[in-house]
Every structure is written in C-alpha cells, then in structure tokens.
C-alpha cells in the first residue's frame, strides 16, 4: 500500500460524510420552506428555516449516515495508529533501542532497572 493511499481514503471518507450531512441540512431546510409555503406562510424567513434544518438534521444525520460515519472513523483510527507506530519507531531509533529493529517486541523496547528487558 502506498503512503498516500490511507490519507486519500481518509479525505474521501470524511468529505463524503460531511457532504452527506450538508445535503441533508439543505433537504430539511427545503422541506421546511415548502411546508411553510403550503400552509400559506409567504414570508417565512430562510434563516429560521435553515436553523431549524440544522437542528433537525443533526440527530437525523447521525442515524441515517451511520455507515459513512463508521467508515470515516475507521480511516481516522488507521491513520492515527500508523502515526503512533511511526512515532514510536522514530523515538526508539533516536534512543538507540533494539525495539526499532525488532517490530515484534511489545514492550516498546523498554528495559527494567537492571537493563535485562524482562
């Protein structure tokens, strides 16, 4: 897997989730404006409809777009784990620890007070 792939996937996942949420706000706002027009309210303020649209779309979007949210969260977690691993490897290299050379070691290359590593 290339270095740019997880970042581009993260960007696409997050943008898809944000775009879906914004479209939902627009749709809910349009429904509110249309309902107001059908009820005979000709001068219904767009800002009020937009604010109601945001308030209604927040919980609705969490429920409707759960798969998109999970995918974006997984992408963020993968990138975070990768950065954490890279940072730990860099710190181990800077300390001169053997953990930088032994990725299977789970103690982070730390040794006990006697220096035995056990």
Protein backbone atom coordinates (compact mmCIF):
# COMPACT_ATOMS: atom_id res chain seq x y z
CA UNK A 1 0.00 0.00 0.00
CA UNK A 2 1.41 3.41 -0.86
CA UNK A 3 1.89 6.24 1.63
CA UNK A 4 -0.73 8.50 0.00
CA UNK A 5 -3.49 5.89 -0.12
CA UNK A 6 -4.63 5.96 3.55
CA UNK A 7 -4.63 9.76 3.56
CA UNK A 8 -6.61 9.97 0.33
CA UNK A 9 -9.06 7.38 1.65
CA UNK A 10 -9.39 9.36 4.87
CA UNK A 11 -10.04 12.53 2.92
CA UNK A 12 -12.64 10.87 0.70
CA UNK A 13 -14.42 9.22 3.64
CA UNK A 14 -14.58 12.42 5.68
CA UNK A 15 -15.63 14.54 2.68
CA UNK A 16 -18.38 12.05 1.79
CA UNK A 17 -19.72 12.18 5.36
CA UNK A 18 -19.59 15.99 5.52
CA UNK A 19 -21.20 16.34 2.09
CA UNK A 20 -24.00 13.95 3.03
CA UNK A 21 -24.67 15.91 6.23
CA UNK A 22 -24.74 19.24 4.34
CA UNK A 23 -27.09 17.85 1.70
CA UNK A 24 -29.37 16.61 4.47
CA UNK A 25 -29.44 20.10 6.02
CA UNK A 26 -30.36 21.53 2.60
CA UNK A 27 -33.12 18.99 2.05
CA UNK A 28 -34.61 19.50 5.52
CA UNK A 29 -34.46 23.28 5.04
CA UNK A 30 -36.22 22.98 1.67
CA UNK A 31 -38.90 20.76 3.20
CA UNK A 32 -39.49 23.31 5.97
CA UNK A 33 -39.75 26.15 3.45
CA UNK A 34 -42.11 24.13 1.24
CA UNK A 35 -44.26 23.19 4.22
CA UNK A 36 -44.45 26.83 5.24
CA UNK A 37 -45.44 27.84 1.73
CA UNK A 38 -48.11 25.12 1.59
CA UNK A 39 -49.50 26.31 4.91
CA UNK A 40 -49.86 29.81 3.48
CA UNK A 41 -46.88 31.47 5.16
CA UNK A 42 -45.46 33.53 2.29
CA UNK A 43 -42.76 35.42 4.21
CA UNK A 44 -41.14 32.56 6.09
CA UNK A 45 -37.51 33.62 6.81
CA UNK A 46 -34.91 31.41 5.16
CA UNK A 47 -32.53 31.85 8.11
CA UNK A 48 -35.14 30.46 10.51
CA UNK A 49 -35.78 27.51 8.19
CA UNK A 50 -32.02 26.92 7.92
CA UNK A 51 -31.59 26.97 11.70
CA UNK A 52 -34.47 24.52 12.14
CA UNK A 53 -32.96 22.43 9.33
CA UNK A 54 -29.63 22.25 11.16
CA UNK A 55 -31.26 21.32 14.46
CA UNK A 56 -33.36 18.60 12.85
CA UNK A 57 -30.58 17.30 10.58
CA UNK A 58 -28.03 16.85 13.39
CA UNK A 59 -29.61 13.80 15.06
CA UNK A 60 -31.16 12.60 11.82
CA UNK A 61 -27.76 12.59 10.07
CA UNK A 62 -26.16 10.58 12.85
CA UNK A 63 -28.79 7.90 12.40
CA UNK A 64 -29.06 7.98 8.58
CA UNK A 65 -25.36 8.18 7.81
CA UNK A 66 -24.03 5.73 10.41
CA UNK A 67 -22.16 3.62 7.80
CA UNK A 68 -20.42 6.71 6.40
CA UNK A 69 -19.55 7.86 9.91
CA UNK A 70 -18.13 4.45 10.83
CA UNK A 71 -16.05 4.33 7.65
CA UNK A 72 -14.64 7.82 8.32
CA UNK A 73 -13.91 6.91 11.94
CA UNK A 74 -12.10 3.73 10.86
CA UNK A 75 -9.99 5.70 8.40
CA UNK A 76 -9.05 8.20 11.10
CA UNK A 77 -8.18 5.37 13.51
CA UNK A 78 -5.99 3.65 10.92
CA UNK A 79 -4.06 6.84 10.22
CA UNK A 80 -3.73 7.55 13.94
CA UNK A 81 -2.39 4.05 14.66
CA UNK A 82 0.07 4.37 11.82
CA UNK A 83 1.33 7.74 13.08
CA UNK A 84 1.64 6.37 16.61
CA UNK A 85 3.65 3.37 15.35
CA UNK A 86 5.91 5.59 13.24
CA UNK A 87 6.47 7.96 16.17
CA UNK A 88 7.36 5.08 18.50
CA UNK A 89 9.79 3.67 15.94
CA UNK A 90 11.42 7.07 15.49
CA UNK A 91 11.76 7.57 19.23
CA UNK A 92 13.27 4.10 19.58
CA UNK A 93 15.77 4.85 16.81
CA UNK A 94 16.71 8.13 18.44
CA UNK A 95 17.26 6.36 21.77
CA UNK A 96 19.19 3.61 20.06
CA UNK A 97 16.88 0.91 21.40
CA UNK A 98 16.66 -2.52 19.85
CA UNK A 99 12.86 -2.10 19.54
CA UNK A 100 13.45 -0.10 16.38
CA UNK A 101 14.96 -3.23 14.86
CA UNK A 102 12.53 -5.71 16.45
CA UNK A 103 8.93 -4.77 15.48
CA UNK A 104 7.55 -7.91 17.13
CA UNK A 105 8.54 -6.72 20.56
CA UNK A 106 5.54 -5.42 22.54
CA UNK A 107 7.23 -3.63 25.43
CA UNK A 108 8.32 -0.69 23.28
CA UNK A 109 11.98 -1.56 23.80
CA UNK A 110 11.90 -0.59 27.47
CA UNK A 111 14.11 -2.39 29.91
CA UNK A 112 13.71 -2.87 33.62
CA UNK A 113 16.02 -1.22 36.13
CA UNK A 114 18.63 -3.93 35.70
CA UNK A 115 18.66 -3.47 31.94
CA UNK A 116 17.64 -7.05 31.18
CA UNK A 117 14.46 -6.16 29.28
CA UNK A 118 12.33 -8.71 31.15
